Amino acid sequence: MQLDWTALGQVTAVSIGVTVAVVVVFAFGVLGLARLEGARDTGSSAASSLGLAQAGLCFLTCAAVVAYGIYLIVPQFH
């Protein structure tokens, strides 16, 4: 049995990179929710809508990445 170490390294690098990217995008989504709460406290409607848009876009991106991962794993979806 032989292992293709280059392919294994590439899969590992991509997995770590995508994991870090999803965590960062999720953190930006949480930051958007914090901006939304801060804007509600100060009464700023522009910052409120910006925070809501940021959170929604970030969480939608995270959900899309998770759905794509499930699509790749489950063979019945192909």
PDB file of N, CA and C in Angstrom:
ATOM      1  N   MET A   1       0.849  -1.181   0.000  1.00  0.00           N
ATOM      2  CA  MET A   1       0.000   0.000   0.000  1.00  0.00           C
ATOM      3  C   MET A   1       0.887   1.234   0.000  1.00  0.00           C
ATOM      4  N   GLN A   2       0.593   2.137  -0.906  1.00  0.00           N
ATOM      5  CA  GLN A   2       1.375   3.363  -0.996  1.00  0.00           C
ATOM      6  C   GLN A   2       0.455   4.561  -0.790  1.00  0.00           C
ATOM      7  N   LEU A   3       0.989   5.546  -0.126  1.00  0.00           N
ATOM      8  CA  LEU A   3       0.230   6.778   0.104  1.00  0.00           C
ATOM      9  C   LEU A   3       0.772   7.869  -0.805  1.00  0.00           C
ATOM     10  N   ASP A   4      -0.128   8.628  -1.356  1.00  0.00           N
ATOM     11  CA  ASP A   4       0.255   9.810  -2.124  1.00  0.00           C
ATOM     12  C   ASP A   4       0.359  10.968  -1.137  1.00  0.00           C
ATOM     13  N   TRP A   5       1.575  11.186  -0.629  1.00  0.00           N
ATOM     14  CA  TRP A   5       1.783  12.169   0.430  1.00  0.00           C
ATOM     15  C   TRP A   5       1.496  13.589  -0.045  1.00  0.00           C
ATOM     16  N   THR A   6       1.716  13.848  -1.306  1.00  0.00           N
ATOM     17  CA  THR A   6       1.425  15.182  -1.838  1.00  0.00           C
ATOM     18  C   THR A   6      -0.074  15.456  -1.787  1.00  0.00           C
ATOM     19  N   ALA A   7      -0.876  14.493  -2.216  1.00  0.00           N
ATOM     20  CA  ALA A   7      -2.328  14.660  -2.179  1.00  0.00           C
ATOM     21  C   ALA A   7      -2.826  14.789  -0.740  1.00  0.00           C
ATOM     22  N   LEU A   8      -2.244  13.983   0.158  1.00  0.00           N
ATOM     23  CA  LEU A   8      -2.638  14.074   1.565  1.00  0.00           C
ATOM     24  C   LEU A   8      -2.305  15.450   2.136  1.00  0.00           C
ATOM     25  N   GLY A   9      -1.147  15.973   1.790  1.00  0.00           N
ATOM     26  CA  GLY A   9      -0.771  17.315   2.243  1.00  0.00           C
ATOM     27  C   GLY A   9      -1.675  18.392   1.678  1.00  0.00           C
ATOM     28  N   GLN A  10      -2.072  18.231   0.415  1.00  0.00           N
ATOM     29  CA  GLN A  10      -2.968  19.213  -0.196  1.00  0.00           C
ATOM     30  C   GLN A  10      -4.344  19.195   0.466  1.00  0.00           C
ATOM     31  N   VAL A  11      -4.857  18.002   0.725  1.00  0.00           N
ATOM     32  CA  VAL A  11      -6.154  17.888   1.390  1.00  0.00           C
ATOM     33  C   VAL A  11      -6.091  18.493   2.787  1.00  0.00           C
ATOM     34  N   THR A  12      -4.999  18.236   3.499  1.00  0.00           N
ATOM     35  CA  THR A  12      -4.837  18.800   4.841  1.00  0.00           C
ATOM     36  C   THR A  12      -4.772  20.319   4.795  1.00  0.00           C
ATOM     37  N   ALA A  13      -3.995  20.858   3.870  1.00  0.00           N
ATOM     38  CA  ALA A  13      -3.860  22.311   3.759  1.00  0.00           C
ATOM     39  C   ALA A  13      -5.186  22.976   3.406  1.00  0.00           C
ATOM     40  N   VAL A  14      -5.915  22.390   2.459  1.00  0.00           N
ATOM     41  CA  VAL A  14      -7.206  22.967   2.071  1.00  0.00           C
ATOM     42  C   VAL A  14      -8.203  22.876   3.221  1.00  0.00           C
ATOM     43  N   SER A  15      -8.199  21.750   3.929  1.00  0.00           N
ATOM     44  CA  SER A  15      -9.123  21.581   5.063  1.00  0.00           C
ATOM     45  C   SER A  15      -8.851  22.607   6.148  1.00  0.00           C
ATOM     46  N   ILE A  16      -7.586  22.804   6.473  1.00  0.00           N
ATOM     47  CA  ILE A  16      -7.236  23.795   7.505  1.00  0.00           C
ATOM     48  C   ILE A  16      -7.586  25.196   7.025  1.00  0.00           C
ATOM     49  N   GLY A  17      -7.289  25.494   5.768  1.00  0.00           N
ATOM     50  CA  GLY A  17      -7.593  26.821   5.228  1.00  0.00           C
ATOM     51  C   GLY A  17      -9.078  27.128   5.225  1.00  0.00           C
ATOM     52  N   VAL A  18      -9.889  26.179   4.797  1.00  0.00           N
ATOM     53  CA  VAL A  18     -11.338  26.392   4.761  1.00  0.00           C
ATOM     54  C   VAL A  18     -11.894  26.498   6.180  1.00  0.00           C
ATOM     55  N   THR A  19     -11.364  25.698   7.094  1.00  0.00           N
ATOM     56  CA  THR A  19     -11.826  25.778   8.483  1.00  0.00           C
ATOM     57  C   THR A  19     -11.544  27.148   9.077  1.00  0.00           C
ATOM     58  N   VAL A  20     -10.336  27.642   8.873  1.00  0.00           N
ATOM     59  CA  VAL A  20      -9.986  28.969   9.395  1.00  0.00           C
ATOM     60  C   VAL A  20     -10.854  30.043   8.736  1.00  0.00           C
ATOM     61  N   ALA A  21     -11.086  29.915   7.437  1.00  0.00           N
ATOM     62  CA  ALA A  21     -11.907  30.906   6.740  1.00  0.00           C
ATOM     63  C   ALA A  21     -13.339  30.918   7.255  1.00  0.00           C
ATOM     64  N   VAL A  22     -13.913  29.747   7.496  1.00  0.00           N
ATOM     65  CA  VAL A  22     -15.286  29.686   8.003  1.00  0.00           C
ATOM     66  C   VAL A  22     -15.367  30.277   9.407  1.00  0.00           C
ATOM     67  N   VAL A  23     -14.373  30.006  10.235  1.00  0.00           N
ATOM     68  CA  VAL A  23     -14.365  30.566  11.590  1.00  0.00           C
ATOM     69  C   VAL A  23     -14.259  32.085  11.542  1.00  0.00           C
ATOM     70  N   VAL A  24     -13.420  32.604  10.651  1.00  0.00           N
ATOM     71  CA  VAL A  24     -13.274  34.063  10.531  1.00  0.00           C
ATOM     72  C   VAL A  24     -14.573  34.693  10.025  1.00  0.00           C
ATOM     73  N   VAL A  25     -15.201  34.086   9.027  1.00  0.00           N
ATOM     74  CA  VAL A  25     -16.458  34.630   8.505  1.00  0.00           C
ATOM     75  C   VAL A  25     -17.545  34.575   9.577  1.00  0.00           C
ATOM     76  N   PHE A  26     -17.590  33.486  10.345  1.00  0.00           N
ATOM     77  CA  PHE A  26     -18.568  33.396  11.431  1.00  0.00           C
ATOM     78  C   PHE A  26     -18.311  34.473  12.485  1.00  0.00           C
ATOM     79  N   ALA A  27     -17.036  34.733  12.779  1.00  0.00           N
ATOM     80  CA  ALA A  27     -16.703  35.792  13.743  1.00  0.00           C
ATOM     81  C   ALA A  27     -17.152  37.157  13.234  1.00  0.00           C
ATOM     82  N   PHE A  28     -17.013  37.400  11.923  1.00  0.00           N
ATOM     83  CA  PHE A  28     -17.511  38.654  11.362  1.00  0.00           C
ATOM     84  C   PHE A  28     -19.043  38.728  11.460  1.00  0.00           C
ATOM     85  N   GLY A  29     -19.710  37.588  11.361  1.00  0.00           N
ATOM     86  CA  GLY A  29     -21.158  37.564  11.552  1.00  0.00           C
ATOM     87  C   GLY A  29     -21.547  37.927  12.976  1.00  0.00           C
ATOM     88  N   VAL A  30     -20.805  37.405  13.935  1.00  0.00           N
ATOM     89  CA  VAL A  30     -21.050  37.758  15.340  1.00  0.00           C
ATOM     90  C   VAL A  30     -20.755  39.245  15.566  1.00  0.00           C
ATOM     91  N   LEU A  31     -19.725  39.759  14.902  1.00  0.00           N
ATOM     92  CA  LEU A  31     -19.426  41.195  14.993  1.00  0.00           C
ATOM     93  C   LEU A  31     -20.581  42.017  14.431  1.00  0.00           C
ATOM     94  N   GLY A  32     -21.178  41.537  13.348  1.00  0.00           N
ATOM     95  CA  GLY A  32     -22.341  42.234  12.788  1.00  0.00           C
ATOM     96  C   GLY A  32     -23.508  42.255  13.753  1.00  0.00           C
ATOM     97  N   LEU A  33     -23.720  41.146  14.462  1.00  0.00           N
ATOM     98  CA  LEU A  33     -24.786  41.130  15.472  1.00  0.00           C
ATOM     99  C   LEU A  33     -24.474  42.078  16.629  1.00  0.00           C
ATOM    100  N   ALA A  34     -23.202  42.168  16.990  1.00  0.00           N
ATOM    101  CA  ALA A  34     -22.815  43.109  18.047  1.00  0.00           C
ATOM    102  C   ALA A  34     -23.048  44.548  17.598  1.00  0.00           C
ATOM    103  N   ARG A  35     -22.749  44.829  16.327  1.00  0.00           N
ATOM    104  CA  ARG A  35     -23.023  46.172  15.802  1.00  0.00           C
ATOM    105  C   ARG A  35     -24.524  46.458  15.799  1.00  0.00           C
ATOM    106  N   LEU A  36     -25.313  45.446  15.481  1.00  0.00           N
ATOM    107  CA  LEU A  36     -26.765  45.602  15.494  1.00  0.00           C
ATOM    108  C   LEU A  36     -27.252  45.949  16.892  1.00  0.00           C
ATOM    109  N   GLU A  37     -26.765  45.239  17.891  1.00  0.00           N
ATOM    110  CA  GLU A  37     -27.157  45.526  19.281  1.00  0.00           C
ATOM    111  C   GLU A  37     -26.667  46.902  19.716  1.00  0.00           C
ATOM    112  N   GLY A  38     -25.450  47.260  19.332  1.00  0.00           N
ATOM    113  CA  GLY A  38     -24.935  48.588  19.683  1.00  0.00           C
ATOM    114  C   GLY A  38     -25.718  49.694  19.023  1.00  0.00           C
ATOM    115  N   ALA A  39     -26.131  49.460  17.786  1.00  0.00           N
ATOM    116  CA  ALA A  39     -26.921  50.474  17.083  1.00  0.00           C
ATOM    117  C   ALA A  39     -28.303  50.611  17.697  1.00  0.00           C
ATOM    118  N   ARG A  40     -28.852  49.515  18.196  1.00  0.00           N
ATOM    119  CA  ARG A  40     -30.157  49.606  18.855  1.00  0.00           C
ATOM    120  C   ARG A  40     -30.054  50.412  20.146  1.00  0.00           C
ATOM    121  N   ASP A  41     -28.927  50.269  20.855  1.00  0.00           N
ATOM    122  CA  ASP A  41     -28.748  51.029  22.091  1.00  0.00           C
ATOM    123  C   ASP A  41     -28.604  52.521  21.825  1.00  0.00           C
ATOM    124  N   THR A  42     -27.912  52.878  20.721  1.00  0.00           N
ATOM    125  CA  THR A  42     -27.701  54.295  20.415  1.00  0.00           C
ATOM    126  C   THR A  42     -28.799  54.880  19.547  1.00  0.00           C
ATOM    127  N   GLY A  43     -29.603  54.035  18.910  1.00  0.00           N
ATOM    128  CA  GLY A  43     -30.697  54.529  18.082  1.00  0.00           C
ATOM    129  C   GLY A  43     -30.303  54.838  16.655  1.00  0.00           C
ATOM    130  N   SER A  44     -29.166  54.348  16.191  1.00  0.00           N
ATOM    131  CA  SER A  44     -28.705  54.615  14.830  1.00  0.00           C
ATOM    132  C   SER A  44     -29.280  53.564  13.885  1.00  0.00           C
ATOM    133  N   SER A  45     -30.100  54.000  12.942  1.00  0.00           N
ATOM    134  CA  SER A  45     -30.737  53.047  12.034  1.00  0.00           C
ATOM    135  C   SER A  45     -29.797  52.617  10.918  1.00  0.00           C
ATOM    136  N   ALA A  46     -28.876  53.494  10.491  1.00  0.00           N
ATOM    137  CA  ALA A  46     -27.943  53.138   9.413  1.00  0.00           C
ATOM    138  C   ALA A  46     -26.988  52.044   9.873  1.00  0.00           C
ATOM    139  N   ALA A  47     -26.450  52.190  11.063  1.00  0.00           N
ATOM    140  CA  ALA A  47     -25.546  51.171  11.595  1.00  0.00           C
ATOM    141  C   ALA A  47     -26.302  49.886  11.902  1.00  0.00           C
ATOM    142  N   SER A  48     -27.564  50.011  12.260  1.00  0.00           N
ATOM    143  CA  SER A  48     -28.383  48.846  12.551  1.00  0.00           C
ATOM    144  C   SER A  48     -28.587  47.998  11.303  1.00  0.00           C
ATOM    145  N   SER A  49     -28.924  48.630  10.191  1.00  0.00           N
ATOM    146  CA  SER A  49     -29.132  47.877   8.959  1.00  0.00           C
ATOM    147  C   SER A  49     -27.818  47.337   8.408  1.00  0.00           C
ATOM    148  N   LEU A  50     -26.718  48.065   8.604  1.00  0.00           N
ATOM    149  CA  LEU A  50     -25.408  47.583   8.166  1.00  0.00           C
ATOM    150  C   LEU A  50     -24.992  46.348   8.963  1.00  0.00           C
ATOM    151  N   GLY A  51     -25.199  46.379  10.257  1.00  0.00           N
ATOM    152  CA  GLY A  51     -24.867  45.231  11.096  1.00  0.00           C
ATOM    153  C   GLY A  51     -25.712  44.021  10.763  1.00  0.00           C
ATOM    154  N   LEU A  52     -26.987  44.238  10.493  1.00  0.00           N
ATOM    155  CA  LEU A  52     -27.877  43.135  10.137  1.00  0.00           C
ATOM    156  C   LEU A  52     -27.482  42.535   8.787  1.00  0.00           C
ATOM    157  N   ALA A  53     -27.133  43.379   7.831  1.00  0.00           N
ATOM    158  CA  ALA A  53     -26.702  42.888   6.520  1.00  0.00           C
ATOM    159  C   ALA A  53     -25.396  42.115   6.629  1.00  0.00           C
ATOM    160  N   GLN A  54     -24.471  42.628   7.426  1.00  0.00           N
ATOM    161  CA  GLN A  54     -23.193  41.946   7.613  1.00  0.00           C
ATOM    162  C   GLN A  54     -23.397  40.578   8.258  1.00  0.00           C
ATOM    163  N   ALA A  55     -24.193  40.519   9.302  1.00  0.00           N
ATOM    164  CA  ALA A  55     -24.444  39.252   9.990  1.00  0.00           C
ATOM    165  C   ALA A  55     -25.150  38.264   9.064  1.00  0.00           C
ATOM    166  N   GLY A  56     -26.156  38.723   8.361  1.00  0.00           N
ATOM    167  CA  GLY A  56     -26.888  37.836   7.462  1.00  0.00           C
ATOM    168  C   GLY A  56     -26.020  37.275   6.355  1.00  0.00           C
ATOM    169  N   LEU A  57     -25.204  38.118   5.748  1.00  0.00           N
ATOM    170  CA  LEU A  57     -24.322  37.673   4.675  1.00  0.00           C
ATOM    171  C   LEU A  57     -23.278  36.678   5.184  1.00  0.00           C
ATOM    172  N   CYS A  58     -22.709  36.959   6.327  1.00  0.00           N
ATOM    173  CA  CYS A  58     -21.688  36.064   6.883  1.00  0.00           C
ATOM    174  C   CYS A  58     -22.278  34.720   7.276  1.00  0.00           C
ATOM    175  N   PHE A  59     -23.429  34.722   7.931  1.00  0.00           N
ATOM    176  CA  PHE A  59     -24.037  33.464   8.345  1.00  0.00           C
ATOM    177  C   PHE A  59     -24.547  32.675   7.135  1.00  0.00           C
ATOM    178  N   LEU A  60     -25.018  33.356   6.114  1.00  0.00           N
ATOM    179  CA  LEU A  60     -25.438  32.688   4.886  1.00  0.00           C
ATOM    180  C   LEU A  60     -24.237  32.039   4.194  1.00  0.00           C
ATOM    181  N   THR A  61     -23.102  32.713   4.201  1.00  0.00           N
ATOM    182  CA  THR A  61     -21.879  32.147   3.634  1.00  0.00           C
ATOM    183  C   THR A  61     -21.448  30.903   4.394  1.00  0.00           C
ATOM    184  N   CYS A  62     -21.497  30.950   5.717  1.00  0.00           N
ATOM    185  CA  CYS A  62     -21.143  29.775   6.526  1.00  0.00           C
ATOM    186  C   CYS A  62     -22.084  28.614   6.234  1.00  0.00           C
ATOM    187  N   ALA A  63     -23.360  28.893   6.130  1.00  0.00           N
ATOM    188  CA  ALA A  63     -24.327  27.839   5.841  1.00  0.00           C
ATOM    189  C   ALA A  63     -24.092  27.245   4.456  1.00  0.00           C
ATOM    190  N   ALA A  64     -23.716  28.067   3.487  1.00  0.00           N
ATOM    191  CA  ALA A  64     -23.441  27.570   2.138  1.00  0.00           C
ATOM    192  C   ALA A  64     -22.211  26.666   2.125  1.00  0.00           C
ATOM    193  N   VAL A  65     -21.189  27.026   2.878  1.00  0.00           N
ATOM    194  CA  VAL A  65     -19.987  26.190   2.950  1.00  0.00           C
ATOM    195  C   VAL A  65     -20.303  24.850   3.604  1.00  0.00           C
ATOM    196  N   VAL A  66     -21.088  24.867   4.662  1.00  0.00           N
ATOM    197  CA  VAL A  66     -21.475  23.617   5.328  1.00  0.00           C
ATOM    198  C   VAL A  66     -22.334  22.755   4.397  1.00  0.00           C
ATOM    199  N   ALA A  67     -23.269  23.366   3.687  1.00  0.00           N
ATOM    200  CA  ALA A  67     -24.110  22.608   2.759  1.00  0.00           C
ATOM    201  C   ALA A  67     -23.278  22.011   1.626  1.00  0.00           C
ATOM    202  N   TYR A  68     -22.301  22.747   1.133  1.00  0.00           N
ATOM    203  CA  TYR A  68     -21.433  22.224   0.076  1.00  0.00           C
ATOM    204  C   TYR A  68     -20.591  21.058   0.596  1.00  0.00           C
ATOM    205  N   GLY A  69     -20.117  21.144   1.826  1.00  0.00           N
ATOM    206  CA  GLY A  69     -19.373  20.044   2.424  1.00  0.00           C
ATOM    207  C   GLY A  69     -20.222  18.792   2.564  1.00  0.00           C
ATOM    208  N   ILE A  70     -21.463  18.955   2.978  1.00  0.00           N
ATOM    209  CA  ILE A  70     -22.369  17.813   3.085  1.00  0.00           C
ATOM    210  C   ILE A  70     -22.655  17.234   1.700  1.00  0.00           C
ATOM    211  N   TYR A  71     -22.803  18.094   0.714  1.00  0.00           N
ATOM    212  CA  TYR A  71     -23.009  17.643  -0.662  1.00  0.00           C
ATOM    213  C   TYR A  71     -21.818  16.797  -1.137  1.00  0.00           C
ATOM    214  N   LEU A  72     -20.605  17.213  -0.799  1.00  0.00           N
ATOM    215  CA  LEU A  72     -19.428  16.468  -1.214  1.00  0.00           C
ATOM    216  C   LEU A  72     -19.305  15.131  -0.502  1.00  0.00           C
ATOM    217  N   ILE A  73     -19.766  15.048   0.733  1.00  0.00           N
ATOM    218  CA  ILE A  73     -19.611  13.832   1.522  1.00  0.00           C
ATOM    219  C   ILE A  73     -20.655  12.789   1.176  1.00  0.00           C
ATOM    220  N   VAL A  74     -21.902  13.187   0.977  1.00  0.00           N
ATOM    221  CA  VAL A  74     -23.009  12.235   0.790  1.00  0.00           C
ATOM    222  C   VAL A  74     -23.097  11.856  -0.691  1.00  0.00           C
ATOM    223  N   PRO A  75     -22.851  10.582  -1.027  1.00  0.00           N
ATOM    224  CA  PRO A  75     -22.831  10.194  -2.439  1.00  0.00           C
ATOM    225  C   PRO A  75     -24.213  10.204  -3.115  1.00  0.00           C
ATOM    226  N   GLN A  76     -25.294  10.127  -2.367  1.00  0.00           N
ATOM    227  CA  GLN A  76     -26.623  10.134  -2.983  1.00  0.00           C
ATOM    228  C   GLN A  76     -26.957  11.490  -3.598  1.00  0.00           C
ATOM    229  N   PHE A  77     -26.256  12.528  -3.231  1.00  0.00           N
ATOM    230  CA  PHE A  77     -26.524  13.865  -3.764  1.00  0.00           C
ATOM    231  C   PHE A  77     -25.870  14.083  -5.125  1.00  0.00           C
ATOM    232  N   HIS A  78     -25.006  13.196  -5.549  1.00  0.00           N
ATOM    233  CA  HIS A  78     -24.301  13.384  -6.832  1.00  0.00           C
ATOM    234  C   HIS A  78     -25.086  12.810  -7.961  1.00  0.00           C
TER     235      HIS A  78
END
